[in-house]
N, C-alpha and C. Protein backbone atom coordinates (compact mmCIF):
# COMPACT_ATOMS: atom_id res chain seq x y z
N UNK A 1 28.92 139.00 67.00
CA UNK A 1 29.80 137.98 67.51
C UNK A 1 29.44 137.35 68.85
N UNK A 2 29.92 136.03 68.41
CA UNK A 2 29.71 134.69 69.39
C UNK A 2 30.50 135.06 70.70
N UNK A 3 30.28 134.71 71.96
CA UNK A 3 31.24 134.58 73.62
C UNK A 3 32.16 133.36 73.15
N UNK A 4 33.27 133.73 73.68
CA UNK A 4 34.19 132.83 74.11
C UNK A 4 33.83 131.68 75.28
N UNK A 5 33.96 130.64 74.98
CA UNK A 5 33.22 129.55 75.89
C UNK A 5 34.64 128.97 76.26
N UNK A 6 34.48 128.25 77.32
CA UNK A 6 35.34 127.28 77.75
C UNK A 6 35.42 125.95 77.29
N UNK A 7 36.16 125.08 77.27
CA UNK A 7 36.37 123.76 76.32
C UNK A 7 35.35 122.76 77.62
N UNK A 8 34.95 121.39 76.93
CA UNK A 8 35.04 120.67 78.40
C UNK A 8 36.08 120.53 78.92
N UNK A 9 37.37 120.71 79.12
CA UNK A 9 38.37 120.50 80.33
C UNK A 9 38.67 121.43 80.15
N UNK A 10 39.46 121.98 80.91
CA UNK A 10 40.15 123.28 80.83
C UNK A 10 41.95 123.21 80.78
N UNK A 11 42.10 123.13 79.62
CA UNK A 11 43.31 123.53 79.43
C UNK A 11 44.51 124.30 79.27
N UNK A 12 45.49 124.46 80.23
CA UNK A 12 46.34 125.67 80.24
C UNK A 12 46.96 125.89 79.30
N UNK A 13 47.28 127.21 78.77
CA UNK A 13 48.14 128.00 77.54
C UNK A 13 49.40 127.26 77.69
N UNK A 14 49.88 126.58 76.72
CA UNK A 14 51.86 125.91 76.95
C UNK A 14 52.29 127.05 76.71
N UNK A 15 52.07 127.93 75.93
CA UNK A 15 52.91 129.21 75.66
C UNK A 15 53.11 130.38 76.95
N UNK A 16 52.12 130.62 77.63
CA UNK A 16 52.07 131.16 78.88
C UNK A 16 52.44 130.58 79.78
N UNK A 17 52.27 129.04 80.09
CA UNK A 17 52.83 128.71 81.18
C UNK A 17 53.86 128.12 81.44
N UNK A 18 54.83 127.95 80.13
CA UNK A 18 56.48 128.10 79.87
C UNK A 18 56.72 129.48 80.59
N UNK A 19 56.25 130.43 80.75
CA UNK A 19 56.52 131.93 81.24
C UNK A 19 56.12 131.98 82.55
N UNK A 20 55.30 130.84 83.27
CA UNK A 20 54.83 130.63 84.76
C UNK A 20 53.55 131.33 84.79
N UNK A 21 52.83 131.96 83.83
CA UNK A 21 51.31 132.19 83.83
C UNK A 21 50.59 131.09 83.55
N UNK A 22 49.40 131.07 84.47
CA UNK A 22 48.48 129.74 84.41
C UNK A 22 47.16 130.70 83.63
N UNK A 23 47.12 130.44 82.30
CA UNK A 23 46.02 130.84 81.63
C UNK A 23 45.33 129.81 81.08
N UNK A 24 43.70 129.80 80.94
CA UNK A 24 43.08 128.68 80.79
C UNK A 24 42.68 128.82 79.16
N UNK A 25 42.74 128.04 78.25
CA UNK A 25 42.33 128.23 77.13
C UNK A 25 40.96 128.37 76.77
N UNK A 26 40.27 129.11 75.56
CA UNK A 26 39.23 128.70 75.24
C UNK A 26 39.18 127.84 74.15
N UNK A 27 38.06 127.57 73.63
CA UNK A 27 37.69 126.47 72.26
C UNK A 27 36.84 127.20 71.29
N UNK A 28 36.87 127.18 70.28
CA UNK A 28 36.36 127.56 69.41
C UNK A 28 35.89 126.56 68.13
N UNK A 29 34.30 126.18 68.60
CA UNK A 29 33.72 125.09 67.78
C UNK A 29 33.77 125.16 66.52
N UNK A 30 33.82 126.58 65.77
CA UNK A 30 33.55 126.49 64.39
C UNK A 30 34.86 126.04 63.95
N UNK A 31 36.41 126.58 64.14
CA UNK A 31 37.55 126.16 63.82
C UNK A 31 38.06 124.89 64.49
N UNK A 32 37.08 124.25 65.57
CA UNK A 32 37.74 123.21 66.28
C UNK A 32 39.05 123.26 66.88
N UNK A 33 39.47 124.42 67.47
CA UNK A 33 40.85 124.56 67.90
C UNK A 33 40.43 125.62 69.19
N UNK A 34 41.41 125.49 70.08
CA UNK A 34 41.80 126.19 71.38
C UNK A 34 42.94 127.16 70.77
N UNK A 35 42.13 128.34 71.73
CA UNK A 35 43.22 129.55 71.58
C UNK A 35 42.98 130.52 73.22
N UNK A 36 44.57 131.24 72.99
CA UNK A 36 44.48 131.92 74.41
C UNK A 36 44.25 133.27 74.19
N UNK A 37 43.45 134.01 75.09
CA UNK A 37 43.36 135.42 75.00
C UNK A 37 44.37 136.25 75.23
N UNK A 38 45.57 135.47 76.01
CA UNK A 38 46.56 136.62 76.31
C UNK A 38 47.41 136.66 75.46
N UNK A 39 47.58 135.20 74.79
CA UNK A 39 48.99 135.87 74.25
C UNK A 39 49.20 135.23 72.63
N UNK A 40 47.71 134.84 72.56
CA UNK A 40 47.28 134.77 70.85
C UNK A 40 47.81 133.16 70.36
N UNK A 41 47.91 132.22 71.39
CA UNK A 41 48.35 130.77 70.69
C UNK A 41 46.88 130.44 70.45
N UNK A 42 47.30 129.34 68.94
CA UNK A 42 46.37 128.90 68.70
C UNK A 42 46.35 127.44 68.41
N UNK A 43 45.96 126.41 68.47
CA UNK A 43 46.11 124.91 68.23
C UNK A 43 45.23 124.16 68.40
N UNK A 44 45.37 122.56 67.82
CA UNK A 44 44.17 121.90 67.83
C UNK A 44 44.53 121.12 69.46
N UNK A 45 43.69 120.39 69.70
CA UNK A 45 43.34 119.48 71.02
C UNK A 45 45.01 118.75 71.16
N UNK A 46 45.33 118.11 69.89
CA UNK A 46 46.20 117.25 69.96
C UNK A 46 47.98 118.31 70.46
N UNK A 47 47.62 119.08 70.11
CA UNK A 47 49.02 119.93 69.75
C UNK A 47 49.04 120.63 71.29
N UNK A 48 48.21 121.05 71.76
CA UNK A 48 47.61 121.43 73.07
C UNK A 48 48.54 120.64 74.10
N UNK A 49 47.65 119.30 73.84
CA UNK A 49 48.21 118.17 75.03
C UNK A 49 49.59 117.70 74.75
N UNK A 50 50.19 117.98 73.68
CA UNK A 50 51.59 117.38 73.11
C UNK A 50 52.55 118.70 73.91
N UNK A 51 52.04 119.69 73.45
CA UNK A 51 52.88 120.76 74.36
C UNK A 51 52.84 120.82 76.03
N UNK A 52 51.73 120.77 76.62
CA UNK A 52 52.00 120.26 78.41
C UNK A 52 52.11 119.12 78.22
N UNK A 53 52.28 117.99 77.64
CA UNK A 53 53.41 117.23 78.14
C UNK A 53 54.48 117.53 78.33
N UNK A 54 55.13 118.35 77.42
CA UNK A 54 56.60 118.83 77.28
C UNK A 54 56.79 119.40 78.81
N UNK A 55 56.06 120.46 79.23
CA UNK A 55 55.81 121.14 80.20
C UNK A 55 56.06 120.38 81.52
N UNK A 56 54.92 119.22 81.47
CA UNK A 56 55.03 118.28 82.45
C UNK A 56 56.38 117.65 82.72
N UNK A 57 57.16 117.33 81.66
CA UNK A 57 58.34 116.52 81.56
C UNK A 57 59.55 117.43 82.09
N UNK A 58 59.42 118.84 81.89
CA UNK A 58 60.41 119.58 82.28
C UNK A 58 60.19 119.90 83.87
N UNK A 59 59.39 119.91 84.19
CA UNK A 59 58.59 120.16 85.75
C UNK A 59 58.78 119.10 86.74
N UNK A 60 58.96 117.74 86.10
CA UNK A 60 58.18 116.55 86.68
C UNK A 60 59.34 116.59 88.25
N UNK A 61 60.49 116.87 88.32
CA UNK A 61 61.18 116.51 89.44
C UNK A 61 61.29 117.90 90.27
N UNK A 62 60.40 119.23 89.93
CA UNK A 62 60.50 120.35 91.00
C UNK A 62 60.63 120.11 92.16
N UNK A 63 59.66 119.20 92.82
CA UNK A 63 59.48 119.04 94.15
C UNK A 63 60.36 117.93 95.11
N UNK A 64 61.69 117.53 94.33
CA UNK A 64 62.34 116.36 93.82
C UNK A 64 63.87 117.24 94.56
N UNK A 65 64.75 116.59 95.85
CA UNK A 65 65.76 116.96 96.02
C UNK A 65 66.57 116.01 95.66
N UNK A 66 67.82 116.61 95.16
CA UNK A 66 69.09 115.61 94.83
C UNK A 66 69.59 115.08 96.12
N UNK A 67 70.02 114.14 96.47
CA UNK A 67 70.57 113.58 97.80
C UNK A 67 71.82 113.09 97.79
N UNK A 68 72.14 112.38 96.56
CA UNK A 68 73.65 111.65 96.22
C UNK A 68 73.86 112.13 94.58
N UNK A 69 74.81 112.72 94.04
CA UNK A 69 75.22 112.77 93.06
C UNK A 69 75.84 111.80 92.36
N UNK A 70 76.38 110.78 92.89
CA UNK A 70 76.88 109.36 92.31
C UNK A 70 78.03 109.63 91.91
N UNK A 71 78.61 108.26 91.34
CA UNK A 71 80.28 108.62 91.01
C UNK A 71 79.75 108.82 88.99
N UNK A 72 80.60 108.69 88.28
CA UNK A 72 80.68 109.07 86.94
C UNK A 72 79.63 107.88 86.35
N UNK A 73 78.81 108.43 85.50
CA UNK A 73 77.93 107.11 84.64
C UNK A 73 76.95 106.51 85.60
N UNK A 74 76.79 107.06 87.05
CA UNK A 74 75.40 106.85 87.63
C UNK A 74 74.54 107.80 87.90
N UNK A 75 73.27 107.80 87.46
CA UNK A 75 72.04 108.66 88.02
C UNK A 75 72.47 109.12 89.24
N UNK A 76 71.54 110.44 89.40
CA UNK A 76 71.54 110.61 90.99
C UNK A 76 70.29 110.31 91.45
N UNK A 77 70.66 110.56 93.01
CA UNK A 77 69.59 109.77 94.07
C UNK A 77 68.70 111.09 94.45
N UNK A 78 67.56 110.94 93.96
CA UNK A 78 66.27 111.86 94.48
C UNK A 78 65.82 111.72 95.70
N UNK A 79 65.21 112.29 96.38
CA UNK A 79 64.52 112.14 97.41
C UNK A 79 63.36 113.47 97.59
N UNK A 80 62.00 112.78 98.44
CA UNK A 80 61.23 113.70 98.19
C UNK A 80 61.15 114.77 99.32
N UNK A 81 61.01 116.37 98.87
CA UNK A 81 61.17 117.26 99.65
C UNK A 81 59.99 117.57 100.66
N UNK A 82 60.53 117.66 101.58
CA UNK A 82 59.86 117.90 103.01
C UNK A 82 59.29 119.36 103.31
N UNK A 83 58.46 119.85 103.33
CA UNK A 83 58.72 121.42 103.68
C UNK A 83 59.26 121.65 105.42
N UNK A 84 59.72 122.72 105.16
CA UNK A 84 60.44 122.70 106.36
C UNK A 84 61.98 122.55 106.38
N UNK A 85 62.32 121.55 105.83
CA UNK A 85 63.62 121.13 105.94
C UNK A 85 64.95 121.84 104.93
N UNK A 86 65.73 121.80 105.27
CA UNK A 86 66.68 122.37 104.19
C UNK A 86 67.59 121.27 103.40
């Protein structure tokens, strides 16, 4: 049985990442797909990139703080959070 090898780039498993677990995926050259040893997620490179992009979209404002909620139908105003500030 062949050893698992990491691909050219270390992709994070999207299923584990959604549960706040940082797990690298491995590449199977025979099947040309990435897989996770922890949760048994399998997918092509395109599928992995698509799901990781969804995670980036979901957490893009993680380090931002709302400074003003604005009036109705106005978007909120965000500011970069600085460490040590309340």
